[in-house]
Amino acid sequence: MVDCLFCKIIAGTIPSSKVYEDEQTYAFADINPQAPTHVLIVPRKHIASLDHAAPEDIAALGHLHTVAADIARGQGLANGYRTVINTGEDGGQTVDHLHVHLLGGRSLHWPPG
């Protein structure tokens, strides 16, 4: 997608602090972290939101969460972490490209926001 911020980050036309990448995903540090560890894990395939995910995206959605768990272990988040997918304007989604927030490194309270 031409005007998608995350597609540009994946393509390397916008710089990022890469944390992980493979053939399906790209993960990078959030530029406005809400916790000591705040990583965004995005599929390389442009999917606007969870609401736009199709049956053929099921494996990719699972892969995003598996990658989040791997990153959490690598970041030393043994005491726990949170994964979040914001969907739509009221859900707090600000970039129209599906992404998982990995948050950790401090106690995360409930309910959020």
PDB file of N, CA and C in Angstrom:
ATOM      1  N   MET A   1       0.850  -1.170   0.000  1.00  0.00           N
ATOM      2  CA  MET A   1       0.000   0.000   0.000  1.00  0.00           C
ATOM      3  C   MET A   1       0.896   1.233   0.000  1.00  0.00           C
ATOM      4  N   VAL A   2       0.691   2.118  -0.927  1.00  0.00           N
ATOM      5  CA  VAL A   2       1.585   3.245  -1.174  1.00  0.00           C
ATOM      6  C   VAL A   2       1.681   4.212  -0.001  1.00  0.00           C
ATOM      7  N   ASP A   3       0.571   4.568   0.613  1.00  0.00           N
ATOM      8  CA  ASP A   3       0.582   5.590   1.662  1.00  0.00           C
ATOM      9  C   ASP A   3       0.611   5.029   3.074  1.00  0.00           C
ATOM     10  N   CYS A   4       0.849   3.745   3.227  1.00  0.00           N
ATOM     11  CA  CYS A   4       0.828   3.126   4.541  1.00  0.00           C
ATOM     12  C   CYS A   4       2.173   3.306   5.254  1.00  0.00           C
ATOM     13  N   LEU A   5       2.137   3.919   6.435  1.00  0.00           N
ATOM     14  CA  LEU A   5       3.339   4.153   7.227  1.00  0.00           C
ATOM     15  C   LEU A   5       4.088   2.852   7.500  1.00  0.00           C
ATOM     16  N   PHE A   6       3.380   1.816   7.940  1.00  0.00           N
ATOM     17  CA  PHE A   6       4.058   0.567   8.284  1.00  0.00           C
ATOM     18  C   PHE A   6       4.593  -0.150   7.048  1.00  0.00           C
ATOM     19  N   CYS A   7       3.905  -0.056   5.920  1.00  0.00           N
ATOM     20  CA  CYS A   7       4.437  -0.637   4.679  1.00  0.00           C
ATOM     21  C   CYS A   7       5.751   0.044   4.306  1.00  0.00           C
ATOM     22  N   LYS A   8       5.826   1.354   4.514  1.00  0.00           N
ATOM     23  CA  LYS A   8       7.064   2.090   4.233  1.00  0.00           C
ATOM     24  C   LYS A   8       8.173   1.685   5.197  1.00  0.00           C
ATOM     25  N   ILE A   9       7.834   1.448   6.460  1.00  0.00           N
ATOM     26  CA  ILE A   9       8.830   0.983   7.431  1.00  0.00           C
ATOM     27  C   ILE A   9       9.331  -0.405   7.034  1.00  0.00           C
ATOM     28  N   ILE A  10       8.422  -1.295   6.678  1.00  0.00           N
ATOM     29  CA  ILE A  10       8.808  -2.640   6.246  1.00  0.00           C
ATOM     30  C   ILE A  10       9.718  -2.575   5.023  1.00  0.00           C
ATOM     31  N   ALA A  11       9.402  -1.686   4.096  1.00  0.00           N
ATOM     32  CA  ALA A  11      10.191  -1.537   2.866  1.00  0.00           C
ATOM     33  C   ALA A  11      11.537  -0.862   3.112  1.00  0.00           C
ATOM     34  N   GLY A  12      11.699  -0.234   4.264  1.00  0.00           N
ATOM     35  CA  GLY A  12      12.953   0.439   4.586  1.00  0.00           C
ATOM     36  C   GLY A  12      13.035   1.873   4.120  1.00  0.00           C
ATOM     37  N   THR A  13      11.933   2.429   3.605  1.00  0.00           N
ATOM     38  CA  THR A  13      11.957   3.821   3.156  1.00  0.00           C
ATOM     39  C   THR A  13      11.768   4.797   4.319  1.00  0.00           C
ATOM     40  N   ILE A  14      11.279   4.291   5.441  1.00  0.00           N
ATOM     41  CA  ILE A  14      11.215   5.052   6.684  1.00  0.00           C
ATOM     42  C   ILE A  14      12.028   4.256   7.700  1.00  0.00           C
ATOM     43  N   PRO A  15      12.974   4.895   8.379  1.00  0.00           N
ATOM     44  CA  PRO A  15      13.816   4.151   9.317  1.00  0.00           C
ATOM     45  C   PRO A  15      13.041   3.674  10.549  1.00  0.00           C
ATOM     46  N   SER A  16      13.530   2.592  11.120  1.00  0.00           N
ATOM     47  CA  SER A  16      12.951   2.052  12.353  1.00  0.00           C
ATOM     48  C   SER A  16      14.052   1.354  13.134  1.00  0.00           C
ATOM     49  N   SER A  17      13.765   1.090  14.393  1.00  0.00           N
ATOM     50  CA  SER A  17      14.683   0.313  15.229  1.00  0.00           C
ATOM     51  C   SER A  17      14.209  -1.128  15.209  1.00  0.00           C
ATOM     52  N   LYS A  18      14.727  -1.894  14.244  1.00  0.00           N
ATOM     53  CA  LYS A  18      14.305  -3.274  14.040  1.00  0.00           C
ATOM     54  C   LYS A  18      14.619  -4.118  15.265  1.00  0.00           C
ATOM     55  N   VAL A  19      13.645  -4.920  15.652  1.00  0.00           N
ATOM     56  CA  VAL A  19      13.799  -5.862  16.748  1.00  0.00           C
ATOM     57  C   VAL A  19      13.846  -7.290  16.207  1.00  0.00           C
ATOM     58  N   TYR A  20      13.089  -7.548  15.135  1.00  0.00           N
ATOM     59  CA  TYR A  20      12.976  -8.898  14.576  1.00  0.00           C
ATOM     60  C   TYR A  20      12.407  -8.797  13.168  1.00  0.00           C
ATOM     61  N   GLU A  21      12.783  -9.755  12.333  1.00  0.00           N
ATOM     62  CA  GLU A  21      12.111  -9.880  11.041  1.00  0.00           C
ATOM     63  C   GLU A  21      12.234 -11.301  10.545  1.00  0.00           C
ATOM     64  N   ASP A  22      11.244 -11.724   9.780  1.00  0.00           N
ATOM     65  CA  ASP A  22      11.289 -12.979   9.055  1.00  0.00           C
ATOM     66  C   ASP A  22      10.485 -12.773   7.773  1.00  0.00           C
ATOM     67  N   GLU A  23      10.203 -13.842   7.069  1.00  0.00           N
ATOM     68  CA  GLU A  23       9.526 -13.700   5.778  1.00  0.00           C
ATOM     69  C   GLU A  23       8.082 -13.222   5.907  1.00  0.00           C
ATOM     70  N   GLN A  24       7.476 -13.368   7.086  1.00  0.00           N
ATOM     71  CA  GLN A  24       6.082 -12.979   7.272  1.00  0.00           C
ATOM     72  C   GLN A  24       5.884 -11.710   8.095  1.00  0.00           C
ATOM     73  N   THR A  25       6.856 -11.391   8.953  1.00  0.00           N
ATOM     74  CA  THR A  25       6.658 -10.306   9.906  1.00  0.00           C
ATOM     75  C   THR A  25       7.860  -9.382   9.994  1.00  0.00           C
ATOM     76  N   TYR A  26       7.594  -8.207  10.522  1.00  0.00           N
ATOM     77  CA  TYR A  26       8.639  -7.244  10.836  1.00  0.00           C
ATOM     78  C   TYR A  26       8.261  -6.640  12.186  1.00  0.00           C
ATOM     79  N   ALA A  27       9.215  -6.558  13.097  1.00  0.00           N
ATOM     80  CA  ALA A  27       8.955  -5.995  14.422  1.00  0.00           C
ATOM     81  C   ALA A  27       9.954  -4.887  14.706  1.00  0.00           C
ATOM     82  N   PHE A  28       9.467  -3.815  15.316  1.00  0.00           N
ATOM     83  CA  PHE A  28      10.319  -2.663  15.589  1.00  0.00           C
ATOM     84  C   PHE A  28       9.852  -1.948  16.859  1.00  0.00           C
ATOM     85  N   ALA A  29      10.766  -1.197  17.453  1.00  0.00           N
ATOM     86  CA  ALA A  29      10.448  -0.447  18.670  1.00  0.00           C
ATOM     87  C   ALA A  29       9.471   0.677  18.351  1.00  0.00           C
ATOM     88  N   ASP A  30       8.468   0.828  19.207  1.00  0.00           N
ATOM     89  CA  ASP A  30       7.508   1.919  19.062  1.00  0.00           C
ATOM     90  C   ASP A  30       8.219   3.247  19.333  1.00  0.00           C
ATOM     91  N   ILE A  31       7.951   4.267  18.525  1.00  0.00           N
ATOM     92  CA  ILE A  31       8.619   5.566  18.714  1.00  0.00           C
ATOM     93  C   ILE A  31       8.010   6.359  19.873  1.00  0.00           C
ATOM     94  N   ASN A  32       6.869   5.916  20.375  1.00  0.00           N
ATOM     95  CA  ASN A  32       6.218   6.554  21.522  1.00  0.00           C
ATOM     96  C   ASN A  32       5.886   5.470  22.544  1.00  0.00           C
ATOM     97  N   PRO A  33       6.906   4.897  23.179  1.00  0.00           N
ATOM     98  CA  PRO A  33       6.673   3.725  24.034  1.00  0.00           C
ATOM     99  C   PRO A  33       5.803   4.023  25.244  1.00  0.00           C
ATOM    100  N   GLN A  34       4.914   3.076  25.524  1.00  0.00           N
ATOM    101  CA  GLN A  34       4.014   3.181  26.670  1.00  0.00           C
ATOM    102  C   GLN A  34       4.452   2.276  27.827  1.00  0.00           C
ATOM    103  N   ALA A  35       5.584   1.601  27.649  1.00  0.00           N
ATOM    104  CA  ALA A  35       6.177   0.738  28.669  1.00  0.00           C
ATOM    105  C   ALA A  35       7.663   0.640  28.343  1.00  0.00           C
ATOM    106  N   PRO A  36       8.489   0.177  29.295  1.00  0.00           N
ATOM    107  CA  PRO A  36       9.922   0.047  29.001  1.00  0.00           C
ATOM    108  C   PRO A  36      10.209  -0.787  27.755  1.00  0.00           C
ATOM    109  N   THR A  37       9.424  -1.832  27.545  1.00  0.00           N
ATOM    110  CA  THR A  37       9.479  -2.579  26.285  1.00  0.00           C
ATOM    111  C   THR A  37       8.177  -2.324  25.559  1.00  0.00           C
ATOM    112  N   HIS A  38       8.249  -1.777  24.354  1.00  0.00           N
ATOM    113  CA  HIS A  38       7.062  -1.550  23.530  1.00  0.00           C
ATOM    114  C   HIS A  38       7.478  -1.786  22.086  1.00  0.00           C
ATOM    115  N   VAL A  39       7.121  -2.964  21.601  1.00  0.00           N
ATOM    116  CA  VAL A  39       7.488  -3.396  20.255  1.00  0.00           C
ATOM    117  C   VAL A  39       6.213  -3.561  19.437  1.00  0.00           C
ATOM    118  N   LEU A  40       6.259  -3.155  18.182  1.00  0.00           N
ATOM    119  CA  LEU A  40       5.155  -3.372  17.250  1.00  0.00           C
ATOM    120  C   LEU A  40       5.531  -4.521  16.326  1.00  0.00           C
ATOM    121  N   ILE A  41       4.659  -5.505  16.217  1.00  0.00           N
ATOM    122  CA  ILE A  41       4.879  -6.655  15.353  1.00  0.00           C
ATOM    123  C   ILE A  41       3.837  -6.566  14.249  1.00  0.00           C
ATOM    124  N   VAL A  42       4.291  -6.461  13.009  1.00  0.00           N
ATOM    125  CA  VAL A  42       3.381  -6.243  11.886  1.00  0.00           C
ATOM    126  C   VAL A  42       3.561  -7.330  10.829  1.00  0.00           C
ATOM    127  N   PRO A  43       2.478  -7.724  10.180  1.00  0.00           N
ATOM    128  CA  PRO A  43       2.627  -8.644   9.058  1.00  0.00           C
ATOM    129  C   PRO A  43       3.180  -7.887   7.851  1.00  0.00           C
ATOM    130  N   ARG A  44       4.001  -8.547   7.072  1.00  0.00           N
ATOM    131  CA  ARG A  44       4.497  -7.916   5.839  1.00  0.00           C
ATOM    132  C   ARG A  44       3.356  -7.686   4.853  1.00  0.00           C
ATOM    133  N   LYS A  45       2.383  -8.569   4.860  1.00  0.00           N
ATOM    134  CA  LYS A  45       1.194  -8.390   4.023  1.00  0.00           C
ATOM    135  C   LYS A  45       0.358  -7.260   4.610  1.00  0.00           C
ATOM    136  N   HIS A  46      -0.055  -6.336   3.789  1.00  0.00           N
ATOM    137  CA  HIS A  46      -0.895  -5.246   4.279  1.00  0.00           C
ATOM    138  C   HIS A  46      -2.300  -5.776   4.568  1.00  0.00           C
ATOM    139  N   ILE A  47      -2.672  -5.689   5.831  1.00  0.00           N
ATOM    140  CA  ILE A  47      -4.035  -5.968   6.287  1.00  0.00           C
ATOM    141  C   ILE A  47      -4.410  -4.728   7.088  1.00  0.00           C
ATOM    142  N   ALA A  48      -5.456  -4.044   6.698  1.00  0.00           N
ATOM    143  CA  ALA A  48      -5.779  -2.754   7.308  1.00  0.00           C
ATOM    144  C   ALA A  48      -6.046  -2.851   8.808  1.00  0.00           C
ATOM    145  N   SER A  49      -6.748  -3.885   9.244  1.00  0.00           N
ATOM    146  CA  SER A  49      -7.057  -4.050  10.668  1.00  0.00           C
ATOM    147  C   SER A  49      -7.480  -5.491  10.903  1.00  0.00           C
ATOM    148  N   LEU A  50      -7.665  -5.852  12.152  1.00  0.00           N
ATOM    149  CA  LEU A  50      -8.152  -7.193  12.462  1.00  0.00           C
ATOM    150  C   LEU A  50      -9.509  -7.417  11.822  1.00  0.00           C
ATOM    151  N   ASP A  51     -10.296  -6.364  11.730  1.00  0.00           N
ATOM    152  CA  ASP A  51     -11.610  -6.446  11.097  1.00  0.00           C
ATOM    153  C   ASP A  51     -11.516  -6.801   9.617  1.00  0.00           C
ATOM    154  N   HIS A  52     -10.371  -6.536   9.004  1.00  0.00           N
ATOM    155  CA  HIS A  52     -10.171  -6.831   7.585  1.00  0.00           C
ATOM    156  C   HIS A  52      -9.473  -8.168   7.343  1.00  0.00           C
ATOM    157  N   ALA A  53      -9.099  -8.868   8.398  1.00  0.00           N
ATOM    158  CA  ALA A  53      -8.424 -10.154   8.235  1.00  0.00           C
ATOM    159  C   ALA A  53      -9.381 -11.162   7.603  1.00  0.00           C
ATOM    160  N   ALA A  54      -8.831 -11.964   6.714  1.00  0.00           N
ATOM    161  CA  ALA A  54      -9.615 -12.958   5.986  1.00  0.00           C
ATOM    162  C   ALA A  54      -9.216 -14.364   6.449  1.00  0.00           C
ATOM    163  N   PRO A  55     -10.004 -15.359   6.092  1.00  0.00           N
ATOM    164  CA  PRO A  55      -9.658 -16.729   6.488  1.00  0.00           C
ATOM    165  C   PRO A  55      -8.232 -17.136   6.104  1.00  0.00           C
ATOM    166  N   GLU A  56      -7.737 -16.638   4.992  1.00  0.00           N
ATOM    167  CA  GLU A  56      -6.366 -16.995   4.584  1.00  0.00           C
ATOM    168  C   GLU A  56      -5.301 -16.327   5.455  1.00  0.00           C
ATOM    169  N   ASP A  57      -5.701 -15.428   6.346  1.00  0.00           N
ATOM    170  CA  ASP A  57      -4.764 -14.741   7.244  1.00  0.00           C
ATOM    171  C   ASP A  57      -4.634 -15.413   8.613  1.00  0.00           C
ATOM    172  N   ILE A  58      -5.366 -16.503   8.838  1.00  0.00           N
ATOM    173  CA  ILE A  58      -5.371 -17.147  10.154  1.00  0.00           C
ATOM    174  C   ILE A  58      -3.962 -17.530  10.594  1.00  0.00           C
ATOM    175  N   ALA A  59      -3.191 -18.165   9.733  1.00  0.00           N
ATOM    176  CA  ALA A  59      -1.831 -18.575  10.109  1.00  0.00           C
ATOM    177  C   ALA A  59      -0.963 -17.359  10.421  1.00  0.00           C
ATOM    178  N   ALA A  60      -1.111 -16.296   9.658  1.00  0.00           N
ATOM    179  CA  ALA A  60      -0.318 -15.083   9.887  1.00  0.00           C
ATOM    180  C   ALA A  60      -0.657 -14.454  11.236  1.00  0.00           C
ATOM    181  N   LEU A  61      -1.927 -14.464  11.618  1.00  0.00           N
ATOM    182  CA  LEU A  61      -2.329 -13.899  12.905  1.00  0.00           C
ATOM    183  C   LEU A  61      -1.720 -14.699  14.059  1.00  0.00           C
ATOM    184  N   GLY A  62      -1.723 -15.999  13.933  1.00  0.00           N
ATOM    185  CA  GLY A  62      -1.080 -16.825  14.945  1.00  0.00           C
ATOM    186  C   GLY A  62       0.419 -16.595  14.990  1.00  0.00           C
ATOM    187  N   HIS A  63       1.016 -16.428  13.822  1.00  0.00           N
ATOM    188  CA  HIS A  63       2.461 -16.195  13.745  1.00  0.00           C
ATOM    189  C   HIS A  63       2.840 -14.883  14.444  1.00  0.00           C
ATOM    190  N   LEU A  64       2.035 -13.846  14.280  1.00  0.00           N
ATOM    191  CA  LEU A  64       2.305 -12.571  14.949  1.00  0.00           C
ATOM    192  C   LEU A  64       2.416 -12.762  16.465  1.00  0.00           C
ATOM    193  N   HIS A  65       1.515 -13.554  17.029  1.00  0.00           N
ATOM    194  CA  HIS A  65       1.536 -13.771  18.478  1.00  0.00           C
ATOM    195  C   HIS A  65       2.684 -14.677  18.907  1.00  0.00           C
ATOM    196  N   THR A  66       3.028 -15.640  18.095  1.00  0.00           N
ATOM    197  CA  THR A  66       4.183 -16.488  18.403  1.00  0.00           C
ATOM    198  C   THR A  66       5.463 -15.666  18.378  1.00  0.00           C
ATOM    199  N   VAL A  67       5.579 -14.784  17.410  1.00  0.00           N
ATOM    200  CA  VAL A  67       6.736 -13.881  17.340  1.00  0.00           C
ATOM    201  C   VAL A  67       6.764 -12.972  18.571  1.00  0.00           C
ATOM    202  N   ALA A  68       5.599 -12.463  18.975  1.00  0.00           N
ATOM    203  CA  ALA A  68       5.536 -11.612  20.171  1.00  0.00           C
ATOM    204  C   ALA A  68       6.064 -12.364  21.393  1.00  0.00           C
ATOM    205  N   ALA A  69       5.677 -13.618  21.542  1.00  0.00           N
ATOM    206  CA  ALA A  69       6.150 -14.420  22.681  1.00  0.00           C
ATOM    207  C   ALA A  69       7.655 -14.641  22.597  1.00  0.00           C
ATOM    208  N   ASP A  70       8.173 -14.897  21.408  1.00  0.00           N
ATOM    209  CA  ASP A  70       9.620 -15.085  21.231  1.00  0.00           C
ATOM    210  C   ASP A  70      10.383 -13.804  21.583  1.00  0.00           C
ATOM    211  N   ILE A  71       9.872 -12.672  21.125  1.00  0.00           N
ATOM    212  CA  ILE A  71      10.515 -11.391  21.435  1.00  0.00           C
ATOM    213  C   ILE A  71      10.463 -11.139  22.939  1.00  0.00           C
ATOM    214  N   ALA A  72       9.320 -11.421  23.566  1.00  0.00           N
ATOM    215  CA  ALA A  72       9.182 -11.212  25.011  1.00  0.00           C
ATOM    216  C   ALA A  72      10.215 -12.028  25.779  1.00  0.00           C
ATOM    217  N   ARG A  73      10.404 -13.287  25.383  1.00  0.00           N
ATOM    218  CA  ARG A  73      11.427 -14.105  26.042  1.00  0.00           C
ATOM    219  C   ARG A  73      12.802 -13.496  25.821  1.00  0.00           C
ATOM    220  N   GLY A  74      13.075 -13.044  24.612  1.00  0.00           N
ATOM    221  CA  GLY A  74      14.369 -12.443  24.298  1.00  0.00           C
ATOM    222  C   GLY A  74      14.622 -11.133  25.022  1.00  0.00           C
ATOM    223  N   GLN A  75      13.557 -10.434  25.353  1.00  0.00           N
ATOM    224  CA  GLN A  75      13.663  -9.156  26.072  1.00  0.00           C
ATOM    225  C   GLN A  75      13.668  -9.354  27.587  1.00  0.00           C
ATOM    226  N   GLY A  76      13.595 -10.606  28.034  1.00  0.00           N
ATOM    227  CA  GLY A  76      13.636 -10.888  29.462  1.00  0.00           C
ATOM    228  C   GLY A  76      12.361 -10.546  30.210  1.00  0.00           C
ATOM    229  N   LEU A  77      11.224 -10.693  29.564  1.00  0.00           N
ATOM    230  CA  LEU A  77       9.950 -10.331  30.186  1.00  0.00           C
ATOM    231  C   LEU A  77       9.316 -11.522  30.902  1.00  0.00           C
ATOM    232  N   ALA A  78      10.123 -12.242  31.699  1.00  0.00           N
ATOM    233  CA  ALA A  78       9.669 -13.450  32.381  1.00  0.00           C
ATOM    234  C   ALA A  78       8.549 -13.172  33.385  1.00  0.00           C
ATOM    235  N   ASN A  79       8.464 -11.956  33.910  1.00  0.00           N
ATOM    236  CA  ASN A  79       7.411 -11.616  34.880  1.00  0.00           C
ATOM    237  C   ASN A  79       6.075 -11.331  34.205  1.00  0.00           C
ATOM    238  N   GLY A  80       6.058 -11.251  32.888  1.00  0.00           N
ATOM    239  CA  GLY A  80       4.815 -11.049  32.163  1.00  0.00           C
ATOM    240  C   GLY A  80       4.878  -9.891  31.186  1.00  0.00           C
ATOM    241  N   TYR A  81       3.913  -9.892  30.307  1.00  0.00           N
ATOM    242  CA  TYR A  81       3.810  -8.867  29.266  1.00  0.00           C
ATOM    243  C   TYR A  81       2.384  -8.867  28.754  1.00  0.00           C
ATOM    244  N   ARG A  82       2.073  -7.902  27.913  1.00  0.00           N
ATOM    245  CA  ARG A  82       0.741  -7.787  27.321  1.00  0.00           C
ATOM    246  C   ARG A  82       0.879  -7.660  25.814  1.00  0.00           C
ATOM    247  N   THR A  83      -0.033  -8.321  25.098  1.00  0.00           N
ATOM    248  CA  THR A  83      -0.150  -8.087  23.664  1.00  0.00           C
ATOM    249  C   THR A  83      -1.515  -7.439  23.424  1.00  0.00           C
ATOM    250  N   VAL A  84      -1.521  -6.468  22.512  1.00  0.00           N
ATOM    251  CA  VAL A  84      -2.737  -5.706  22.234  1.00  0.00           C
ATOM    252  C   VAL A  84      -2.854  -5.499  20.728  1.00  0.00           C
ATOM    253  N   ILE A  85      -4.066  -5.680  20.221  1.00  0.00           N
ATOM    254  CA  ILE A  85      -4.376  -5.298  18.842  1.00  0.00           C
ATOM    255  C   ILE A  85      -5.510  -4.285  18.919  1.00  0.00           C
ATOM    256  N   ASN A  86      -5.226  -3.042  18.557  1.00  0.00           N
ATOM    257  CA  ASN A  86      -6.258  -2.012  18.486  1.00  0.00           C
ATOM    258  C   ASN A  86      -6.914  -2.111  17.115  1.00  0.00           C
ATOM    259  N   THR A  87      -8.246  -2.028  17.092  1.00  0.00           N
ATOM    260  CA  THR A  87      -8.975  -2.153  15.838  1.00  0.00           C
ATOM    261  C   THR A  87      -9.956  -1.006  15.695  1.00  0.00           C
ATOM    262  N   GLY A  88      -9.805  -0.231  14.639  1.00  0.00           N
ATOM    263  CA  GLY A  88     -10.709   0.878  14.363  1.00  0.00           C
ATOM    264  C   GLY A  88     -10.446   2.089  15.233  1.00  0.00           C
ATOM    265  N   GLU A  89     -11.067   3.184  14.856  1.00  0.00           N
ATOM    266  CA  GLU A  89     -10.866   4.461  15.544  1.00  0.00           C
ATOM    267  C   GLU A  89     -11.228   4.387  17.026  1.00  0.00           C
ATOM    268  N   ASP A  90     -12.391   3.832  17.337  1.00  0.00           N
ATOM    269  CA  ASP A  90     -12.796   3.736  18.738  1.00  0.00           C
ATOM    270  C   ASP A  90     -11.945   2.741  19.518  1.00  0.00           C
ATOM    271  N   GLY A  91     -11.299   1.816  18.826  1.00  0.00           N
ATOM    272  CA  GLY A  91     -10.410   0.864  19.468  1.00  0.00           C
ATOM    273  C   GLY A  91      -9.010   1.401  19.671  1.00  0.00           C
ATOM    274  N   GLY A  92      -8.756   2.607  19.189  1.00  0.00           N
ATOM    275  CA  GLY A  92      -7.456   3.235  19.378  1.00  0.00           C
ATOM    276  C   GLY A  92      -6.459   2.982  18.266  1.00  0.00           C
ATOM    277  N   GLN A  93      -6.892   2.409  17.147  1.00  0.00           N
ATOM    278  CA  GLN A  93      -5.975   2.161  16.041  1.00  0.00           C
ATOM    279  C   GLN A  93      -5.662   3.473  15.333  1.00  0.00           C
ATOM    280  N   THR A  94      -4.369   3.805  15.225  1.00  0.00           N
ATOM    281  CA  THR A  94      -3.964   5.057  14.594  1.00  0.00           C
ATOM    282  C   THR A  94      -3.238   4.857  13.272  1.00  0.00           C
ATOM    283  N   VAL A  95      -2.805   3.632  12.980  1.00  0.00           N
ATOM    284  CA  VAL A  95      -2.184   3.307  11.695  1.00  0.00           C
ATOM    285  C   VAL A  95      -2.999   2.175  11.088  1.00  0.00           C
ATOM    286  N   ASP A  96      -3.471   2.372   9.861  1.00  0.00           N
ATOM    287  CA  ASP A  96      -4.314   1.375   9.209  1.00  0.00           C
ATOM    288  C   ASP A  96      -3.482   0.247   8.606  1.00  0.00           C
ATOM    289  N   HIS A  97      -2.783  -0.459   9.464  1.00  0.00           N
ATOM    290  CA  HIS A  97      -2.050  -1.679   9.118  1.00  0.00           C
ATOM    291  C   HIS A  97      -2.062  -2.504  10.398  1.00  0.00           C
ATOM    292  N   LEU A  98      -2.653  -3.668  10.340  1.00  0.00           N
ATOM    293  CA  LEU A  98      -2.744  -4.541  11.504  1.00  0.00           C
ATOM    294  C   LEU A  98      -1.395  -4.653  12.195  1.00  0.00           C
ATOM    295  N   HIS A  99      -1.389  -4.546  13.518  1.00  0.00           N
ATOM    296  CA  HIS A  99      -0.150  -4.704  14.272  1.00  0.00           C
ATOM    297  C   HIS A  99      -0.455  -5.121  15.698  1.00  0.00           C
ATOM    298  N   VAL A 100       0.476  -5.863  16.264  1.00  0.00           N
ATOM    299  CA  VAL A 100       0.386  -6.301  17.652  1.00  0.00           C
ATOM    300  C   VAL A 100       1.350  -5.450  18.466  1.00  0.00           C
ATOM    301  N   HIS A 101       0.858  -4.861  19.535  1.00  0.00           N
ATOM    302  CA  HIS A 101       1.707  -4.159  20.490  1.00  0.00           C
ATOM    303  C   HIS A 101       2.179  -5.182  21.516  1.00  0.00           C
ATOM    304  N   LEU A 102       3.468  -5.240  21.758  1.00  0.00           N
ATOM    305  CA  LEU A 102       4.042  -6.031  22.838  1.00  0.00           C
ATOM    306  C   LEU A 102       4.527  -5.041  23.894  1.00  0.00           C
ATOM    307  N   LEU A 103       3.929  -5.110  25.081  1.00  0.00           N
ATOM    308  CA  LEU A 103       4.244  -4.182  26.163  1.00  0.00           C
ATOM    309  C   LEU A 103       4.727  -4.966  27.377  1.00  0.00           C
ATOM    310  N   GLY A 104       5.797  -4.499  27.995  1.00  0.00           N
ATOM    311  CA  GLY A 104       6.285  -5.156  29.192  1.00  0.00           C
ATOM    312  C   GLY A 104       7.385  -4.361  29.855  1.00  0.00           C
ATOM    313  N   GLY A 105       7.954  -4.950  30.880  1.00  0.00           N
ATOM    314  CA  GLY A 105       9.037  -4.301  31.605  1.00  0.00           C
ATOM    315  C   GLY A 105       8.575  -3.515  32.819  1.00  0.00           C
ATOM    316  N   ARG A 106       7.269  -3.522  33.094  1.00  0.00           N
ATOM    317  CA  ARG A 106       6.706  -2.900  34.289  1.00  0.00           C
ATOM    318  C   ARG A 106       5.368  -3.581  34.549  1.00  0.00           C
ATOM    319  N   SER A 107       4.819  -3.334  35.722  1.00  0.00           N
ATOM    320  CA  SER A 107       3.508  -3.876  36.044  1.00  0.00           C
ATOM    321  C   SER A 107       2.458  -3.167  35.190  1.00  0.00           C
ATOM    322  N   LEU A 108       1.643  -3.931  34.500  1.00  0.00           N
ATOM    323  CA  LEU A 108       0.594  -3.395  33.644  1.00  0.00           C
ATOM    324  C   LEU A 108      -0.747  -3.610  34.339  1.00  0.00           C
ATOM    325  N   HIS A 109      -1.457  -2.550  34.600  1.00  0.00           N
ATOM    326  CA  HIS A 109      -2.685  -2.623  35.365  1.00  0.00           C
ATOM    327  C   HIS A 109      -3.890  -2.833  34.460  1.00  0.00           C
ATOM    328  N   TRP A 110      -4.987  -3.252  35.058  1.00  0.00           N
ATOM    329  CA  TRP A 110      -6.229  -3.481  34.344  1.00  0.00           C
ATOM    330  C   TRP A 110      -7.335  -2.724  35.047  1.00  0.00           C
ATOM    331  N   PRO A 111      -8.252  -2.108  34.396  1.00  0.00           N
ATOM    332  CA  PRO A 111      -8.355  -2.052  32.942  1.00  0.00           C
ATOM    333  C   PRO A 111      -7.423  -0.993  32.349  1.00  0.00           C
ATOM    334  N   PRO A 112      -7.012  -1.215  31.108  1.00  0.00           N
ATOM    335  CA  PRO A 112      -6.170  -0.211  30.447  1.00  0.00           C
ATOM    336  C   PRO A 112      -7.021   0.972  29.984  1.00  0.00           C
ATOM    337  N   GLY A 113      -6.342   2.082  29.662  1.00  0.00           N
ATOM    338  CA  GLY A 113      -6.947   3.269  29.064  1.00  0.00           C
ATOM    339  C   GLY A 113      -8.376   3.415  29.343  1.00  0.00           C
TER     340      GLY A 113
END
